Structure formats: C-alpha cells, structure tokens
Amino acid sequence: MDIEVLGALSVRENGVSVVPTAPKPRQVLALLALNADQVVSVATLIEELWGQKPPRSARTTLQTYVLQLRELIAEALAHEENERCTAKDVLTTVPGGYRLQSRGGTVDFREFERRAGAGYRAMDAEDYTAAARRLADALSLWNGQVLTDIQAGSRTDMEIRRLEESRLCALDQRIEADLRLGRHRELLSELTVLVKQYRMHESLHGQFMLALHRSGRRGEALSVYQRLRATLVAELGLEPSTALSRLQRAVLMARPEPAPPAGAGAAGARLMTRGPELAGR
C-alpha cells in the first residue's frame, strides 16, 4: 500500500485508489494513514470524528466506516490475480482499535523524515553541499499543505501541525546550507515570500536580512528587521531575540559578514520561532 499525506490524501493498493468520497470515511482513512502500521484506538477515532460529544451510535457508525474502507480495499486487491491478502489483513482489527498495514509500500512522510535526517547529519558534518541537496530532496516530496482535501478533527490537526513544523524545520536548514554556500542572491525571491507567510519567524527573517546584506541591499535588510520588530511588539508585546538584534547591529555597522542568528547553525534542525503561525512549538 502506497500512502501520501504531504498534499492531498492518496492511499493506493495495487495502484488502485482506496480513498472514499464521503467526508467521514475519508477522515478515518486519513488518521489511519498518518499512523500507518500503528494501532489507532477506537476512542481516538471517535474523538477525531465527533470531538468531545460523540453520538450514542458512534462505535456502530465507526464500524460502518471501517467496513466501507475494507470494501474499497477488497476491490483494489481483486486487481491482483495472485493476491492472497484480504481487506481485513490490510485494515486489521486489533484489541481496542484498528491498524492500516502499509505492507512494505511507500509512506511519503516517513520518506521525508528519512531524507531530512540525512540532510541534518550532513549539516552536522558541515557538508553544506550535501545538506542542501538532501534537504531539497526531502522537501520535493511535499505537494501542498498536509491533507489539504480532508476535514480534519482534533487528532488529525495535531498530526498536521507536527508535519508542517517538520517541513519548516527542514526548509530553515536548507536555506541555512544555501547561505553557507554563498547562494544569497538565489534565495532572495524565496525568502521574500516566506517572511510574508511566516510574519513572526525570526530565523527566516534573519536569513532574509543576511541574504539582502550580502547582496548589497543593506537598507532593505534593516527594513526587514524593523517590520519584524513592529509586528512582534504590536501582536505579542515582545522584542526580537538578542541574536537577531546582534545581526541587525552588524548590518547597521556594515560589517561584511555578520553571523547568522544563533539557532540557525549547522547542528541539526534548530529554529528560532515566535508567533501563532507555529502553534505547537
């Protein structure tokens, strides 16, 4: 079974989609996919579907949704003449819950974590060329926001936030690797978009300031700092971090190579974050 959640939900058995059209069964499949090869309890699935006030028929209705998913899996399995596996072997019932078996298929978010991990290790080794390549390779697996076509409940939303944070972490480190390789001009357009998207993310703003400064655009680099400071003060009542303030002073004094903000270095995935965009940090 091949599972993709880094974008629209895609679950395929023998190359055949088993994603239902009805919203609630899709929601069940999405949460099972996010926990592929692991048990998801009945209580967790009920909370996902109905929150803290499930109907009395919740367990029976959940069983109906599972049955619908198994019917789709059975149809997909029928496309393989020599397939001896049954739908109950793929979507198994275990004490207290259910488990979706990937059976050695691809799971995109786990592949992302594997590739990103290789990139972080390259950063630790100060092999920035390999780090930039491997982190970019990991990020290429993303096709939009996680489960963009699913109505997420509390449990799925928590997993979505975790994965989005992992993506942002990898993105931060890939940009850091590119900066260390002198690719500051190539990063300007990307960082212009990112600082608008993550208005209180200090590491991205620090990277943008550094890229602008190295490109001979000192005034614009200082403006980035002032906009971030105004946003932080107005919305959170906070001043920028000491590390970012040091970078601002270095740019102001026109030093040729100000140090990047602390927390954006080579030792793994290190973020400086503030603000509601990164809820859960």
C-alpha atoms as a PDB file:
ATOM      1  CA  MET A   1       0.000   0.000   0.000  1.00  0.00           C
ATOM      2  CA  ASP A   2       1.323   3.423  -1.001  1.00  0.00           C
ATOM      3  CA  ILE A   3       0.345   6.321   1.264  1.00  0.00           C
ATOM      4  CA  GLU A   4       0.677  10.041   0.602  1.00  0.00           C
ATOM      5  CA  VAL A   5      -0.408  12.764   3.015  1.00  0.00           C
ATOM      6  CA  LEU A   6       2.003  15.590   2.087  1.00  0.00           C
ATOM      7  CA  GLY A   7      -0.664  17.272  -0.005  1.00  0.00           C
ATOM      8  CA  ALA A   8      -3.973  15.681  -0.953  1.00  0.00           C
ATOM      9  CA  LEU A   9      -4.704  12.290   0.603  1.00  0.00           C
ATOM     10  CA  SER A  10      -3.710   9.373  -1.608  1.00  0.00           C
ATOM     11  CA  VAL A  11      -3.892   5.743  -0.498  1.00  0.00           C
ATOM     12  CA  ARG A  12      -3.381   3.112  -3.188  1.00  0.00           C
ATOM     13  CA  GLU A  13      -3.429  -0.663  -3.060  1.00  0.00           C
ATOM     14  CA  ASN A  14      -2.070  -2.367  -6.186  1.00  0.00           C
ATOM     15  CA  GLY A  15      -2.054   1.092  -7.745  1.00  0.00           C
ATOM     16  CA  VAL A  16      -5.797   1.483  -7.192  1.00  0.00           C
ATOM     17  CA  SER A  17      -7.109   4.321  -5.023  1.00  0.00           C
ATOM     18  CA  VAL A  18      -8.988   3.261  -1.889  1.00  0.00           C
ATOM     19  CA  VAL A  19      -9.863   6.803  -0.803  1.00  0.00           C
ATOM     20  CA  PRO A  20     -13.639   7.131  -0.317  1.00  0.00           C
ATOM     21  CA  THR A  21     -15.627  10.158  -1.434  1.00  0.00           C
ATOM     22  CA  ALA A  22     -17.704  10.587   1.740  1.00  0.00           C
ATOM     23  CA  PRO A  23     -16.085  13.035   4.245  1.00  0.00           C
ATOM     24  CA  LYS A  24     -16.269  10.907   7.416  1.00  0.00           C
ATOM     25  CA  PRO A  25     -14.757   7.700   5.969  1.00  0.00           C
ATOM     26  CA  ARG A  26     -12.056   9.884   4.366  1.00  0.00           C
ATOM     27  CA  GLN A  27     -11.357  11.319   7.796  1.00  0.00           C
ATOM     28  CA  VAL A  28     -10.984   7.839   9.265  1.00  0.00           C
ATOM     29  CA  LEU A  29      -8.641   6.775   6.469  1.00  0.00           C
ATOM     30  CA  ALA A  30      -6.574   9.941   6.845  1.00  0.00           C
ATOM     31  CA  LEU A  31      -5.942   9.351  10.539  1.00  0.00           C
ATOM     32  CA  LEU A  32      -5.123   5.682   9.916  1.00  0.00           C
ATOM     33  CA  ALA A  33      -2.740   6.727   7.130  1.00  0.00           C
ATOM     34  CA  LEU A  34      -0.994   9.224   9.417  1.00  0.00           C
ATOM     35  CA  ASN A  35      -0.412   6.313  11.808  1.00  0.00           C
ATOM     36  CA  ALA A  36       0.292   3.627   9.211  1.00  0.00           C
ATOM     37  CA  ASP A  37       1.403   0.301  10.720  1.00  0.00           C
ATOM     38  CA  GLN A  38       0.425   1.540  14.181  1.00  0.00           C
ATOM     39  CA  VAL A  39      -2.721   0.935  16.214  1.00  0.00           C
ATOM     40  CA  VAL A  40      -5.237   3.776  16.322  1.00  0.00           C
ATOM     41  CA  SER A  41      -7.654   3.288  19.184  1.00  0.00           C
ATOM     42  CA  VAL A  42     -11.414   3.387  18.786  1.00  0.00           C
ATOM     43  CA  ALA A  43     -11.522   6.229  21.307  1.00  0.00           C
ATOM     44  CA  THR A  44      -9.056   8.260  19.207  1.00  0.00           C
ATOM     45  CA  LEU A  45     -11.059   7.716  16.030  1.00  0.00           C
ATOM     46  CA  ILE A  46     -14.308   8.677  17.763  1.00  0.00           C
ATOM     47  CA  GLU A  47     -12.709  11.852  19.118  1.00  0.00           C
ATOM     48  CA  GLU A  48     -11.424  12.658  15.644  1.00  0.00           C
ATOM     49  CA  LEU A  49     -14.864  12.275  14.092  1.00  0.00           C
ATOM     50  CA  TRP A  50     -17.112  13.811  16.738  1.00  0.00           C
ATOM     51  CA  GLY A  51     -14.952  15.624  19.268  1.00  0.00           C
ATOM     52  CA  GLN A  52     -15.889  15.515  22.930  1.00  0.00           C
ATOM     53  CA  LYS A  53     -19.612  14.916  22.321  1.00  0.00           C
ATOM     54  CA  PRO A  54     -19.936  11.757  20.207  1.00  0.00           C
ATOM     55  CA  PRO A  55     -23.395  10.328  19.485  1.00  0.00           C
ATOM     56  CA  ARG A  56     -24.527   7.148  21.202  1.00  0.00           C
ATOM     57  CA  SER A  57     -24.180   5.341  17.887  1.00  0.00           C
ATOM     58  CA  ALA A  58     -20.523   6.402  17.482  1.00  0.00           C
ATOM     59  CA  ARG A  59     -18.985   2.921  17.732  1.00  0.00           C
ATOM     60  CA  THR A  60     -21.519   1.377  15.370  1.00  0.00           C
ATOM     61  CA  THR A  61     -21.105   4.208  12.882  1.00  0.00           C
ATOM     62  CA  LEU A  62     -17.310   3.905  13.057  1.00  0.00           C
ATOM     63  CA  GLN A  63     -17.602   0.180  12.304  1.00  0.00           C
ATOM     64  CA  THR A  64     -19.676   1.088   9.254  1.00  0.00           C
ATOM     65  CA  TYR A  65     -16.963   3.446   8.029  1.00  0.00           C
ATOM     66  CA  VAL A  66     -14.321   0.752   8.513  1.00  0.00           C
ATOM     67  CA  LEU A  67     -16.479  -1.688   6.555  1.00  0.00           C
ATOM     68  CA  GLN A  68     -16.742   0.823   3.707  1.00  0.00           C
ATOM     69  CA  LEU A  69     -12.967   1.217   3.649  1.00  0.00           C
ATOM     70  CA  ARG A  70     -12.485  -2.550   3.573  1.00  0.00           C
ATOM     71  CA  GLU A  71     -14.851  -2.841   0.631  1.00  0.00           C
ATOM     72  CA  LEU A  72     -12.701  -0.380  -1.316  1.00  0.00           C
ATOM     73  CA  ILE A  73      -9.530  -2.241  -0.296  1.00  0.00           C
ATOM     74  CA  ALA A  74     -11.084  -5.559  -1.364  1.00  0.00           C
ATOM     75  CA  GLU A  75     -11.870  -4.108  -4.797  1.00  0.00           C
ATOM     76  CA  ALA A  76      -8.295  -2.932  -5.155  1.00  0.00           C
ATOM     77  CA  LEU A  77      -6.900  -6.297  -4.062  1.00  0.00           C
ATOM     78  CA  ALA A  78      -9.037  -8.007  -6.697  1.00  0.00           C
ATOM     79  CA  HIS A  79      -6.927  -6.352  -9.400  1.00  0.00           C
ATOM     80  CA  GLU A  80      -4.031  -8.637  -8.491  1.00  0.00           C
ATOM     81  CA  GLU A  81      -4.765 -12.221  -9.544  1.00  0.00           C
ATOM     82  CA  ASN A  82      -2.193 -13.811  -7.240  1.00  0.00           C
ATOM     83  CA  GLU A  83      -3.043 -11.653  -4.229  1.00  0.00           C
ATOM     84  CA  ARG A  84      -3.753 -13.835  -1.202  1.00  0.00           C
ATOM     85  CA  CYS A  85      -4.181 -10.940   1.190  1.00  0.00           C
ATOM     86  CA  THR A  86      -7.672  -9.911   2.283  1.00  0.00           C
ATOM     87  CA  ALA A  87      -9.041  -6.499   3.182  1.00  0.00           C
ATOM     88  CA  LYS A  88      -9.024  -7.497   6.850  1.00  0.00           C
ATOM     89  CA  ASP A  89      -5.303  -8.215   6.544  1.00  0.00           C
ATOM     90  CA  VAL A  90      -4.710  -4.684   5.260  1.00  0.00           C
ATOM     91  CA  LEU A  91      -7.056  -2.844   7.611  1.00  0.00           C
ATOM     92  CA  THR A  92      -6.817  -5.029  10.664  1.00  0.00           C
ATOM     93  CA  THR A  93      -8.910  -5.106  13.813  1.00  0.00           C
ATOM     94  CA  VAL A  94      -6.823  -5.263  16.977  1.00  0.00           C
ATOM     95  CA  PRO A  95      -7.856  -5.092  20.633  1.00  0.00           C
ATOM     96  CA  GLY A  96      -9.234  -1.614  21.166  1.00  0.00           C
ATOM     97  CA  GLY A  97      -8.649  -0.247  17.687  1.00  0.00           C
ATOM     98  CA  TYR A  98      -7.566  -0.616  14.056  1.00  0.00           C
ATOM     99  CA  ARG A  99      -4.302  -0.655  12.120  1.00  0.00           C
ATOM    100  CA  LEU A 100      -3.663   0.174   8.464  1.00  0.00           C
ATOM    101  CA  GLN A 101      -0.852  -2.030   7.145  1.00  0.00           C
ATOM    102  CA  SER A 102       1.415  -0.479   4.518  1.00  0.00           C
ATOM    103  CA  ARG A 103       2.910  -3.942   3.815  1.00  0.00           C
ATOM    104  CA  GLY A 104       6.199  -2.510   2.602  1.00  0.00           C
ATOM    105  CA  GLY A 105       4.641   0.180   0.438  1.00  0.00           C
ATOM    106  CA  THR A 106       5.806   3.778   0.317  1.00  0.00           C
ATOM    107  CA  VAL A 107       4.752   6.225   3.037  1.00  0.00           C
ATOM    108  CA  ASP A 108       5.689   9.732   1.931  1.00  0.00           C
ATOM    109  CA  PHE A 109       6.011  11.425   5.322  1.00  0.00           C
ATOM    110  CA  ARG A 110       8.359   8.706   6.562  1.00  0.00           C
ATOM    111  CA  GLU A 111      10.446   9.031   3.416  1.00  0.00           C
ATOM    112  CA  PHE A 112      10.535  12.785   4.029  1.00  0.00           C
ATOM    113  CA  GLU A 113      11.787  12.216   7.578  1.00  0.00           C
ATOM    114  CA  ARG A 114      14.451   9.793   6.317  1.00  0.00           C
ATOM    115  CA  ARG A 115      15.752  12.223   3.689  1.00  0.00           C
ATOM    116  CA  ALA A 116      15.597  15.202   6.041  1.00  0.00           C
ATOM    117  CA  GLY A 117      17.516  13.235   8.654  1.00  0.00           C
ATOM    118  CA  ALA A 118      20.283  12.648   6.117  1.00  0.00           C
ATOM    119  CA  GLY A 119      20.337  16.377   5.447  1.00  0.00           C
ATOM    120  CA  TYR A 120      20.618  17.218   9.149  1.00  0.00           C
ATOM    121  CA  ARG A 121      23.507  14.796   9.547  1.00  0.00           C
ATOM    122  CA  ALA A 122      25.265  16.460   6.611  1.00  0.00           C
ATOM    123  CA  MET A 123      24.750  19.835   8.325  1.00  0.00           C
ATOM    124  CA  ASP A 124      26.295  18.450  11.499  1.00  0.00           C
ATOM    125  CA  ALA A 125      29.278  17.307   9.438  1.00  0.00           C
ATOM    126  CA  GLU A 126      29.473  20.778   7.814  1.00  0.00           C
ATOM    127  CA  ASP A 127      28.974  19.231   4.385  1.00  0.00           C
ATOM    128  CA  TYR A 128      26.698  22.018   3.208  1.00  0.00           C
ATOM    129  CA  THR A 129      26.574  20.923  -0.413  1.00  0.00           C
ATOM    130  CA  ALA A 130      25.204  17.515   0.554  1.00  0.00           C
ATOM    131  CA  ALA A 131      22.932  19.063   3.174  1.00  0.00           C
ATOM    132  CA  ALA A 132      21.345  21.476   0.705  1.00  0.00           C
ATOM    133  CA  ARG A 133      20.834  18.682  -1.829  1.00  0.00           C
ATOM    134  CA  ARG A 134      19.361  16.181   0.617  1.00  0.00           C
ATOM    135  CA  LEU A 135      17.073  18.660   2.331  1.00  0.00           C
ATOM    136  CA  ALA A 136      15.830  19.925  -1.029  1.00  0.00           C
ATOM    137  CA  ASP A 137      15.222  16.311  -1.994  1.00  0.00           C
ATOM    138  CA  ALA A 138      13.181  15.804   1.172  1.00  0.00           C
ATOM    139  CA  LEU A 139      11.138  18.950   0.572  1.00  0.00           C
ATOM    140  CA  SER A 140      10.391  17.883  -3.006  1.00  0.00           C
ATOM    141  CA  LEU A 141       8.029  15.244  -1.577  1.00  0.00           C
ATOM    142  CA  TRP A 142       5.616  17.955  -0.480  1.00  0.00           C
ATOM    143  CA  ASN A 143       2.735  18.775  -2.836  1.00  0.00           C
ATOM    144  CA  GLY A 144       0.978  21.365  -0.712  1.00  0.00           C
ATOM    145  CA  GLN A 145      -0.322  21.520   2.828  1.00  0.00           C
ATOM    146  CA  VAL A 146      -0.772  18.217   4.649  1.00  0.00           C
ATOM    147  CA  LEU A 147      -4.100  16.532   3.846  1.00  0.00           C
ATOM    148  CA  THR A 148      -5.356  19.644   2.116  1.00  0.00           C
ATOM    149  CA  ASP A 149      -8.538  17.873   0.993  1.00  0.00           C
ATOM    150  CA  ILE A 150      -9.517  16.435   4.399  1.00  0.00           C
ATOM    151  CA  GLN A 151     -11.804  17.952   7.017  1.00  0.00           C
ATOM    152  CA  ALA A 152      -9.504  17.461   9.988  1.00  0.00           C
ATOM    153  CA  GLY A 153     -10.614  16.792  13.540  1.00  0.00           C
ATOM    154  CA  SER A 154      -8.511  17.450  16.624  1.00  0.00           C
ATOM    155  CA  ARG A 155      -6.318  14.351  16.272  1.00  0.00           C
ATOM    156  CA  THR A 156      -5.571  14.815  12.588  1.00  0.00           C
ATOM    157  CA  ASP A 157      -5.000  18.533  13.111  1.00  0.00           C
ATOM    158  CA  MET A 158      -2.346  17.741  15.722  1.00  0.00           C
ATOM    159  CA  GLU A 159      -0.522  15.461  13.263  1.00  0.00           C
ATOM    160  CA  ILE A 160      -0.816  18.078  10.516  1.00  0.00           C
ATOM    161  CA  ARG A 161       0.827  20.675  12.751  1.00  0.00           C
ATOM    162  CA  ARG A 162       3.632  18.263  13.606  1.00  0.00           C
ATOM    163  CA  LEU A 163       4.372  17.546   9.962  1.00  0.00           C
ATOM    164  CA  GLU A 164       4.151  21.202   8.946  1.00  0.00           C
ATOM    165  CA  GLU A 165       6.626  22.033  11.693  1.00  0.00           C
ATOM    166  CA  SER A 166       8.961  19.314  10.374  1.00  0.00           C
ATOM    167  CA  ARG A 167       8.716  20.816   6.887  1.00  0.00           C
ATOM    168  CA  LEU A 168       9.506  24.295   8.163  1.00  0.00           C
ATOM    169  CA  CYS A 169      12.450  22.921  10.113  1.00  0.00           C
ATOM    170  CA  ALA A 170      13.874  21.261   7.005  1.00  0.00           C
ATOM    171  CA  LEU A 171      13.246  24.406   4.959  1.00  0.00           C
ATOM    172  CA  ASP A 172      15.068  26.540   7.516  1.00  0.00           C
ATOM    173  CA  GLN A 173      18.090  24.254   7.421  1.00  0.00           C
ATOM    174  CA  ARG A 174      18.140  24.014   3.627  1.00  0.00           C
ATOM    175  CA  ILE A 175      18.197  27.805   3.393  1.00  0.00           C
ATOM    176  CA  GLU A 176      20.957  27.878   6.014  1.00  0.00           C
ATOM    177  CA  ALA A 177      23.002  25.434   3.931  1.00  0.00           C
ATOM    178  CA  ASP A 178      22.462  27.534   0.790  1.00  0.00           C
ATOM    179  CA  LEU A 179      23.574  30.682   2.632  1.00  0.00           C
ATOM    180  CA  ARG A 180      26.750  28.955   3.754  1.00  0.00           C
ATOM    181  CA  LEU A 181      27.377  28.038   0.119  1.00  0.00           C
ATOM    182  CA  GLY A 182      27.101  31.699  -0.938  1.00  0.00           C
ATOM    183  CA  ARG A 183      23.773  31.372  -2.718  1.00  0.00           C
ATOM    184  CA  HIS A 184      22.329  34.514  -1.138  1.00  0.00           C
ATOM    185  CA  ARG A 185      21.103  36.090  -4.363  1.00  0.00           C
ATOM    186  CA  GLU A 186      19.311  32.906  -5.424  1.00  0.00           C
ATOM    187  CA  LEU A 187      17.439  32.885  -2.103  1.00  0.00           C
ATOM    188  CA  LEU A 188      16.019  36.403  -2.236  1.00  0.00           C
ATOM    189  CA  SER A 189      12.787  35.665  -4.096  1.00  0.00           C
ATOM    190  CA  GLU A 190      12.036  32.601  -1.969  1.00  0.00           C
ATOM    191  CA  LEU A 191      12.688  34.423   1.295  1.00  0.00           C
ATOM    192  CA  THR A 192      10.566  37.379   0.181  1.00  0.00           C
ATOM    193  CA  VAL A 193       7.588  35.028   0.060  1.00  0.00           C
ATOM    194  CA  LEU A 194       8.470  33.137   3.234  1.00  0.00           C
ATOM    195  CA  VAL A 195       8.748  36.166   5.527  1.00  0.00           C
ATOM    196  CA  LYS A 196       5.300  37.280   4.382  1.00  0.00           C
ATOM    197  CA  GLN A 197       3.920  33.834   5.074  1.00  0.00           C
ATOM    198  CA  TYR A 198       5.637  33.488   8.479  1.00  0.00           C
ATOM    199  CA  ARG A 199       5.448  37.026   9.776  1.00  0.00           C
ATOM    200  CA  MET A 200       6.985  36.302  13.201  1.00  0.00           C
ATOM    201  CA  HIS A 201       9.500  33.600  12.326  1.00  0.00           C
ATOM    202  CA  GLU A 202      12.812  35.060  13.445  1.00  0.00           C
ATOM    203  CA  SER A 203      15.137  32.583  11.774  1.00  0.00           C
ATOM    204  CA  LEU A 204      13.648  33.183   8.321  1.00  0.00           C
ATOM    205  CA  HIS A 205      13.807  36.940   8.849  1.00  0.00           C
ATOM    206  CA  GLY A 206      17.430  36.677   9.948  1.00  0.00           C
ATOM    207  CA  GLN A 207      18.263  34.632   6.860  1.00  0.00           C
ATOM    208  CA  PHE A 208      16.493  37.190   4.655  1.00  0.00           C
ATOM    209  CA  MET A 209      18.427  40.026   6.287  1.00  0.00           C
ATOM    210  CA  LEU A 210      21.700  38.201   5.725  1.00  0.00           C
ATOM    211  CA  ALA A 211      20.886  37.408   2.081  1.00  0.00           C
ATOM    212  CA  LEU A 212      19.935  41.046   1.406  1.00  0.00           C
ATOM    213  CA  HIS A 213      23.036  42.387   3.148  1.00  0.00           C
ATOM    214  CA  ARG A 214      25.347  40.085   1.220  1.00  0.00           C
ATOM    215  CA  SER A 215      23.618  41.195  -1.974  1.00  0.00           C
ATOM    216  CA  GLY A 216      24.480  44.823  -1.239  1.00  0.00           C
ATOM    217  CA  ARG A 217      20.978  45.767  -0.097  1.00  0.00           C
ATOM    218  CA  ARG A 218      21.716  46.899   3.440  1.00  0.00           C
ATOM    219  CA  GLY A 219      18.810  49.312   3.694  1.00  0.00           C
ATOM    220  CA  GLU A 220      16.310  46.619   2.769  1.00  0.00           C
ATOM    221  CA  ALA A 221      17.891  44.247   5.286  1.00  0.00           C
ATOM    222  CA  LEU A 222      17.376  46.806   8.050  1.00  0.00           C
ATOM    223  CA  SER A 223      13.780  47.351   6.908  1.00  0.00           C
ATOM    224  CA  VAL A 224      13.125  43.611   7.301  1.00  0.00           C
ATOM    225  CA  TYR A 225      14.253  43.849  10.908  1.00  0.00           C
ATOM    226  CA  GLN A 226      12.105  46.900  11.611  1.00  0.00           C
ATOM    227  CA  ARG A 227       8.999  45.258  10.142  1.00  0.00           C
ATOM    228  CA  LEU A 228       9.546  42.137  12.217  1.00  0.00           C
ATOM    229  CA  ARG A 229      10.133  44.171  15.367  1.00  0.00           C
ATOM    230  CA  ALA A 230       6.970  46.203  14.800  1.00  0.00           C
ATOM    231  CA  THR A 231       4.953  43.027  14.301  1.00  0.00           C
ATOM    232  CA  LEU A 232       6.348  41.319  17.391  1.00  0.00           C
ATOM    233  CA  VAL A 233       5.781  44.348  19.602  1.00  0.00           C
ATOM    234  CA  ALA A 234       2.275  45.022  18.289  1.00  0.00           C
ATOM    235  CA  GLU A 235       0.985  41.457  18.339  1.00  0.00           C
ATOM    236  CA  LEU A 236       2.946  39.795  21.151  1.00  0.00           C
ATOM    237  CA  GLY A 237       4.471  42.597  23.168  1.00  0.00           C
ATOM    238  CA  LEU A 238       7.929  41.093  22.548  1.00  0.00           C
ATOM    239  CA  GLU A 239      11.193  42.465  21.258  1.00  0.00           C
ATOM    240  CA  PRO A 240      13.253  40.462  18.735  1.00  0.00           C
ATOM    241  CA  SER A 241      15.698  37.985  20.233  1.00  0.00           C
ATOM    242  CA  THR A 242      19.193  39.011  21.275  1.00  0.00           C
ATOM    243  CA  ALA A 243      20.684  37.028  18.398  1.00  0.00           C
ATOM    244  CA  LEU A 244      18.572  38.823  15.805  1.00  0.00           C
ATOM    245  CA  SER A 245      19.333  42.195  17.409  1.00  0.00           C
ATOM    246  CA  ARG A 246      23.059  41.404  17.102  1.00  0.00           C
ATOM    247  CA  LEU A 247      22.573  40.651  13.427  1.00  0.00           C
ATOM    248  CA  GLN A 248      20.724  43.948  12.984  1.00  0.00           C
ATOM    249  CA  ARG A 249      23.607  45.844  14.612  1.00  0.00           C
ATOM    250  CA  ALA A 250      26.132  44.022  12.424  1.00  0.00           C
ATOM    251  CA  VAL A 251      24.216  45.020   9.285  1.00  0.00           C
ATOM    252  CA  LEU A 252      23.831  48.580  10.586  1.00  0.00           C
ATOM    253  CA  MET A 253      27.605  48.807  11.070  1.00  0.00           C
ATOM    254  CA  ALA A 254      28.101  47.463   7.535  1.00  0.00           C
ATOM    255  CA  ARG A 255      30.216  44.527   8.584  1.00  0.00           C
ATOM    256  CA  PRO A 256      30.913  42.405   5.523  1.00  0.00           C
ATOM    257  CA  GLU A 257      29.885  39.072   7.029  1.00  0.00           C
ATOM    258  CA  PRO A 258      27.516  39.294  10.011  1.00  0.00           C
ATOM    259  CA  ALA A 259      26.990  35.990  11.753  1.00  0.00           C
ATOM    260  CA  PRO A 260      23.648  34.290  11.131  1.00  0.00           C
ATOM    261  CA  PRO A 261      21.267  34.227  14.106  1.00  0.00           C
ATOM    262  CA  ALA A 262      22.027  31.673  16.792  1.00  0.00           C
ATOM    263  CA  GLY A 263      19.819  28.662  16.286  1.00  0.00           C
ATOM    264  CA  ALA A 264      20.264  28.638  12.533  1.00  0.00           C
ATOM    265  CA  GLY A 265      23.614  26.879  12.561  1.00  0.00           C
ATOM    266  CA  ALA A 266      24.809  23.528  11.443  1.00  0.00           C
ATOM    267  CA  ALA A 267      23.903  21.323  14.395  1.00  0.00           C
ATOM    268  CA  GLY A 268      20.697  19.751  13.203  1.00  0.00           C
ATOM    269  CA  ALA A 269      17.302  21.346  12.927  1.00  0.00           C
ATOM    270  CA  ARG A 270      17.328  24.467  15.080  1.00  0.00           C
ATOM    271  CA  LEU A 271      14.621  27.076  14.783  1.00  0.00           C
ATOM    272  CA  MET A 272      14.001  30.411  16.403  1.00  0.00           C
ATOM    273  CA  THR A 273      10.250  30.807  16.305  1.00  0.00           C
ATOM    274  CA  ARG A 274       7.671  33.092  17.758  1.00  0.00           C
ATOM    275  CA  GLY A 275       4.052  33.542  16.982  1.00  0.00           C
ATOM    276  CA  PRO A 276       0.796  31.729  16.250  1.00  0.00           C
ATOM    277  CA  GLU A 277       1.916  30.562  12.812  1.00  0.00           C
ATOM    278  CA  LEU A 278       3.914  27.842  14.594  1.00  0.00           C
ATOM    279  CA  ALA A 279       1.380  26.740  17.159  1.00  0.00           C
ATOM    280  CA  GLY A 280       2.646  23.667  18.917  1.00  0.00           C
ATOM    281  CA  ARG A 281       6.304  24.707  19.179  1.00  0.00           C
END
